[in-house]
Amino acid sequence: MSDDILSDLMRDYVYRSAKAGRRTDGRALDEPRKLAVEHGVVKTAEGSARVKLGNTDVIVGIKMSVGQPYPDTPNTGVLSTTVELIPMASPTFEAGPPRPDAIELARVVDRGIRESKMVNVAKLCITPKEKVWVMFIDIHVLDFDGNLFDASSYGAAAALATTIVPAKAQGLGDDFPLPVEHWPVSVTTAKIKDLLVVDPGLDEERMADARLTVTTDENGDIRAMQKGLKGSFSYDEVKRIIETSQKVGRALRPSLRP
């Protein structure tokens, strides 16, 4: 019973604070948390980055290997994204096979990178129909305080930007930087009753009615969108979210570059 009362009190406090235009951590409704990006943190990976979005902490490693292309894309490299929600990151995470939320998170990150054509995968073809470079993006959550979608996306983009393809070790010539050509940035907005809040913290995320993640590139073009939770958005709300995502994306994008 005490937990239910505390939960109700917290929900009321979070909403009233946001309604007054200033969230519980002092941010404006359209203001993301402080973003800190550290490149090259895993020396055994071909590329890596550690991202802190507020207190949410994510580390991403990139491994490159030689493999076969997919039959429908015989002349392009392959992208594979996985997420590990380790129990030490949150009391709600459990060891075992990937949970549905981990699978959704991996797909959202993967889609933003793939649909923005961040990496020119045509340049990762070694032998058409036979041999290509495969990019493995491994995302590990170290501390969870809300909005893993954006933190993981930023970590993946920053890690890819530092990746060196180990061609020499495979007898395929000199090593070369991964051909990064575009810079996707995802921005997640949560709807709490009649309010829209950018980059929801954990308490805001828990009480949200709906969630929308919008990924834009350096030109402001929409490259991916993901709707979550059971609530809905009006046309005007979606338009506002897209405009905010473009604005926030422009501000955050330079931080992802090494």
Protein backbone atom coordinates (compact mmCIF):
# COMPACT_ATOMS: atom_id res chain seq x y z
CA MET A 1 0.00 0.00 0.00
CA SER A 2 2.77 2.47 0.89
CA ASP A 3 4.40 1.84 -2.49
CA ASP A 4 1.13 2.64 -4.27
CA ILE A 5 0.72 5.87 -2.32
CA LEU A 6 4.31 6.90 -3.03
CA SER A 7 3.83 6.08 -6.70
CA ASP A 8 0.71 8.24 -6.89
CA LEU A 9 2.46 11.10 -5.11
CA MET A 10 5.43 10.85 -7.46
CA ARG A 11 3.21 10.77 -10.52
CA ASP A 12 1.39 13.88 -9.35
CA TYR A 13 4.66 15.66 -8.58
CA VAL A 14 6.23 14.81 -11.94
CA TYR A 15 3.14 15.92 -13.85
CA ARG A 16 2.59 19.15 -11.91
CA SER A 17 6.25 20.10 -12.34
CA ALA A 18 6.10 19.51 -16.09
CA LYS A 19 2.77 21.31 -16.35
CA ALA A 20 4.42 24.35 -14.81
CA GLY A 21 7.05 24.23 -17.55
CA ARG A 22 9.94 22.96 -15.43
CA ARG A 23 10.55 19.26 -14.95
CA THR A 24 11.69 17.65 -11.69
CA ASP A 25 15.35 17.78 -12.78
CA GLY A 26 15.07 21.42 -13.82
CA ARG A 27 14.86 20.86 -17.58
CA ALA A 28 12.44 22.51 -19.96
CA LEU A 29 9.94 20.21 -21.70
CA ASP A 30 11.93 20.19 -24.97
CA GLU A 31 15.37 19.95 -23.33
CA PRO A 32 17.38 16.69 -23.35
CA ARG A 33 19.68 15.70 -20.51
CA LYS A 34 23.39 16.41 -20.66
CA LEU A 35 25.12 14.16 -23.18
CA ALA A 36 28.69 12.95 -22.63
CA VAL A 37 30.41 10.85 -25.32
CA GLU A 38 33.75 9.07 -24.93
CA HIS A 39 35.25 7.45 -28.04
CA GLY A 40 37.61 4.49 -28.23
CA VAL A 41 36.98 3.01 -24.79
CA VAL A 42 37.37 -0.69 -25.74
CA LYS A 43 40.79 -1.39 -27.20
CA THR A 44 39.91 -4.92 -28.36
CA ALA A 45 37.03 -3.68 -30.51
CA GLU A 46 37.32 -2.20 -34.01
CA GLY A 47 35.34 0.78 -32.74
CA SER A 48 33.70 1.74 -29.45
CA ALA A 49 32.09 4.49 -27.45
CA ARG A 50 30.62 5.12 -24.04
CA VAL A 51 27.62 7.42 -23.75
CA LYS A 52 26.09 8.99 -20.68
CA LEU A 53 22.71 10.62 -21.19
CA GLY A 54 22.00 12.02 -17.77
CA ASN A 55 22.49 8.99 -15.53
CA THR A 56 21.76 6.47 -18.28
CA ASP A 57 25.09 4.86 -19.13
CA VAL A 58 25.71 2.73 -22.25
CA ILE A 59 28.83 1.24 -23.79
CA VAL A 60 28.93 0.10 -27.42
CA GLY A 61 31.51 -2.03 -29.21
CA ILE A 62 31.88 -2.71 -32.94
CA LYS A 63 33.39 -5.93 -34.28
CA MET A 64 34.09 -6.50 -37.96
CA SER A 65 34.34 -9.92 -39.55
CA VAL A 66 34.20 -11.44 -43.01
CA GLY A 67 31.02 -13.29 -43.91
CA GLN A 68 28.49 -14.00 -46.62
CA PRO A 69 26.02 -11.37 -47.88
CA TYR A 70 22.27 -11.82 -47.75
CA PRO A 71 20.80 -13.27 -50.97
CA ASP A 72 18.71 -10.13 -51.61
CA THR A 73 21.71 -7.78 -51.10
CA PRO A 74 24.61 -9.72 -52.62
CA ASN A 75 26.88 -6.71 -53.12
CA THR A 76 26.61 -4.97 -49.75
CA GLY A 77 27.96 -5.42 -46.25
CA VAL A 78 25.86 -6.72 -43.39
CA LEU A 79 24.74 -4.99 -40.18
CA SER A 80 23.79 -6.87 -37.00
CA THR A 81 22.73 -5.15 -33.76
CA THR A 82 22.31 -6.74 -30.32
CA VAL A 83 21.50 -5.34 -26.88
CA GLU A 84 22.48 -6.72 -23.47
CA LEU A 85 20.37 -5.55 -20.51
CA ILE A 86 22.54 -6.74 -17.64
CA PRO A 87 20.98 -7.06 -14.16
CA MET A 88 23.43 -4.65 -12.53
CA ALA A 89 22.04 -1.83 -14.70
CA SER A 90 18.55 -1.99 -13.18
CA PRO A 91 16.56 -4.08 -10.67
CA THR A 92 14.05 -4.72 -13.46
CA PHE A 93 16.61 -6.40 -15.76
CA GLU A 94 17.03 -10.17 -15.52
CA ALA A 95 19.66 -12.55 -16.83
CA GLY A 96 18.62 -14.89 -19.61
CA PRO A 97 17.53 -14.73 -23.25
CA PRO A 98 16.76 -11.31 -24.80
CA ARG A 99 13.58 -9.73 -23.51
CA PRO A 100 11.03 -8.13 -25.87
CA ASP A 101 12.15 -4.63 -24.84
CA ALA A 102 15.79 -5.52 -25.62
CA ILE A 103 14.76 -6.82 -29.05
CA GLU A 104 12.75 -3.65 -29.74
CA LEU A 105 15.67 -1.48 -28.63
CA ALA A 106 18.08 -3.30 -30.95
CA ARG A 107 15.69 -2.97 -33.88
CA VAL A 108 15.14 0.76 -33.34
CA VAL A 109 18.88 1.45 -33.18
CA ASP A 110 19.52 -0.79 -36.19
CA ARG A 111 16.78 0.86 -38.24
CA GLY A 112 18.04 4.37 -37.58
CA ILE A 113 21.53 3.47 -38.77
CA ARG A 114 20.38 1.34 -41.69
CA GLU A 115 17.70 3.67 -43.07
CA SER A 116 19.86 6.78 -42.75
CA LYS A 117 22.57 4.98 -44.75
CA MET A 118 25.05 6.09 -42.13
CA VAL A 119 27.55 3.54 -43.44
CA ASN A 120 28.07 3.06 -47.16
CA VAL A 121 27.64 -0.71 -47.12
CA ALA A 122 28.38 -0.99 -50.83
CA LYS A 123 32.01 -0.23 -49.96
CA LEU A 124 32.04 -3.24 -47.62
CA CYS A 125 31.67 -5.76 -50.43
CA ILE A 126 34.79 -7.89 -50.91
CA THR A 127 33.62 -10.41 -53.52
CA PRO A 128 30.08 -9.93 -54.93
CA LYS A 129 27.67 -12.67 -53.85
CA GLU A 130 30.39 -14.40 -51.85
CA LYS A 131 32.22 -12.30 -49.29
CA VAL A 132 31.45 -9.05 -47.48
CA TRP A 133 32.31 -7.29 -44.24
CA VAL A 134 29.85 -7.83 -41.39
CA MET A 135 29.39 -5.11 -38.76
CA PHE A 136 28.37 -6.34 -35.31
CA ILE A 137 27.05 -3.61 -33.00
CA ASP A 138 27.04 -4.82 -29.39
CA ILE A 139 25.22 -2.53 -26.95
CA HIS A 140 25.65 -3.04 -23.20
CA VAL A 141 23.61 -1.02 -20.71
CA LEU A 142 25.62 -0.18 -17.60
CA ASP A 143 23.10 2.03 -15.79
CA PHE A 144 19.45 2.62 -16.66
CA ASP A 145 17.75 5.90 -15.81
CA GLY A 146 15.35 6.18 -18.72
CA ASN A 147 15.46 6.58 -22.52
CA LEU A 148 17.69 3.76 -23.66
CA PHE A 149 16.57 4.34 -27.25
CA ASP A 150 18.50 7.59 -27.64
CA ALA A 151 21.47 6.67 -25.45
CA SER A 152 21.99 3.42 -27.37
CA SER A 153 21.57 5.14 -30.73
CA TYR A 154 24.14 7.79 -29.82
CA GLY A 155 26.55 5.13 -28.60
CA ALA A 156 26.19 3.09 -31.78
CA ALA A 157 26.72 6.10 -34.04
CA ALA A 158 29.73 7.30 -32.06
CA ALA A 159 31.27 3.81 -32.07
CA LEU A 160 30.78 3.35 -35.81
CA ALA A 161 32.45 6.71 -36.38
CA THR A 162 35.66 5.40 -34.79
CA THR A 163 35.65 1.97 -36.44
CA ILE A 164 38.67 0.77 -38.41
CA VAL A 165 38.06 -2.19 -40.72
CA PRO A 166 40.81 -4.79 -40.02
CA ALA A 167 41.51 -5.69 -43.63
CA LYS A 168 45.20 -6.41 -43.10
CA ALA A 169 44.53 -9.21 -40.61
CA GLN A 170 42.33 -10.90 -43.22
CA GLY A 171 44.90 -10.55 -45.99
CA LEU A 172 42.69 -8.03 -47.78
CA GLY A 173 45.01 -5.05 -48.02
CA ASP A 174 45.45 -2.12 -45.67
CA ASP A 175 43.10 -1.32 -42.79
CA PHE A 176 40.69 1.52 -43.56
CA PRO A 177 38.13 3.64 -41.69
CA LEU A 178 34.53 2.50 -41.89
CA PRO A 179 32.89 4.51 -44.70
CA VAL A 180 30.60 6.71 -42.57
CA GLU A 181 28.65 9.17 -44.73
CA HIS A 182 25.61 10.29 -42.71
CA TRP A 183 24.87 11.17 -39.09
CA PRO A 184 21.53 9.94 -37.72
CA VAL A 185 20.34 11.26 -34.36
CA SER A 186 17.30 9.83 -32.62
CA VAL A 187 15.19 11.92 -30.26
CA THR A 188 12.55 10.28 -28.07
CA THR A 189 9.52 12.16 -26.80
CA ALA A 190 7.12 10.84 -24.16
CA LYS A 191 3.51 11.91 -23.75
CA ILE A 192 2.31 12.32 -20.18
CA LYS A 193 -1.39 13.14 -20.23
CA ASP A 194 -1.47 16.35 -22.31
CA LEU A 195 2.27 17.09 -22.14
CA LEU A 196 5.16 16.20 -24.43
CA VAL A 197 8.59 15.78 -22.82
CA VAL A 198 11.87 15.20 -24.68
CA ASP A 199 14.33 12.57 -23.44
CA PRO A 200 12.17 11.18 -20.61
CA GLY A 201 13.89 10.27 -17.38
CA LEU A 202 13.02 7.03 -15.62
CA ASP A 203 10.07 8.37 -13.62
CA GLU A 204 8.66 10.15 -16.67
CA GLU A 205 9.11 7.03 -18.79
CA ARG A 206 7.28 4.87 -16.25
CA MET A 207 4.21 7.11 -16.26
CA ALA A 208 4.16 7.92 -19.98
CA ASP A 209 1.04 7.15 -22.01
CA ALA A 210 2.83 7.07 -25.37
CA ARG A 211 6.33 7.35 -26.79
CA LEU A 212 7.66 8.39 -30.19
CA THR A 213 11.27 8.10 -31.35
CA VAL A 214 12.20 10.10 -34.44
CA THR A 215 15.56 9.69 -36.18
CA THR A 216 16.73 12.48 -38.47
CA ASP A 217 19.91 12.94 -40.49
CA GLU A 218 22.18 15.97 -40.88
CA ASN A 219 19.75 17.46 -43.42
CA GLY A 220 16.84 17.19 -41.00
CA ASP A 221 15.20 14.46 -43.08
CA ILE A 222 13.24 11.78 -41.21
CA ARG A 223 14.94 8.40 -41.53
CA ALA A 224 13.07 6.28 -38.97
CA MET A 225 10.22 6.47 -36.46
CA GLN A 226 9.07 4.15 -33.70
CA LYS A 227 5.83 4.49 -31.75
CA GLY A 228 5.64 2.83 -28.35
CA LEU A 229 3.16 2.28 -25.49
CA LYS A 230 -0.63 2.22 -25.72
CA GLY A 231 -1.45 5.92 -25.93
CA SER A 232 -1.83 7.98 -29.09
CA PHE A 233 -0.65 11.24 -30.62
CA SER A 234 -2.63 13.81 -32.57
CA TYR A 235 -1.44 15.08 -35.94
CA ASP A 236 -0.32 18.37 -34.39
CA GLU A 237 1.57 16.55 -31.65
CA VAL A 238 3.45 14.42 -34.18
CA LYS A 239 4.32 17.56 -36.15
CA ARG A 240 5.65 19.24 -33.00
CA ILE A 241 7.65 16.14 -32.07
CA ILE A 242 9.28 16.00 -35.50
CA GLU A 243 10.21 19.70 -35.40
CA THR A 244 11.67 19.30 -31.91
CA SER A 245 13.59 16.19 -32.97
CA GLN A 246 15.15 18.10 -35.85
CA LYS A 247 16.17 20.96 -33.54
CA VAL A 248 17.58 18.72 -30.81
CA GLY A 249 19.33 16.55 -33.41
CA ARG A 250 21.17 19.56 -34.83
CA ALA A 251 22.43 20.48 -31.37
CA LEU A 252 23.56 16.96 -30.38
CA ARG A 253 25.06 15.74 -33.68
CA PRO A 254 28.54 17.32 -33.26
CA SER A 255 29.01 15.40 -29.99
CA LEU A 256 28.89 12.06 -31.82
CA ARG A 257 31.86 12.81 -34.06
CA PRO A 258 35.30 11.71 -32.81
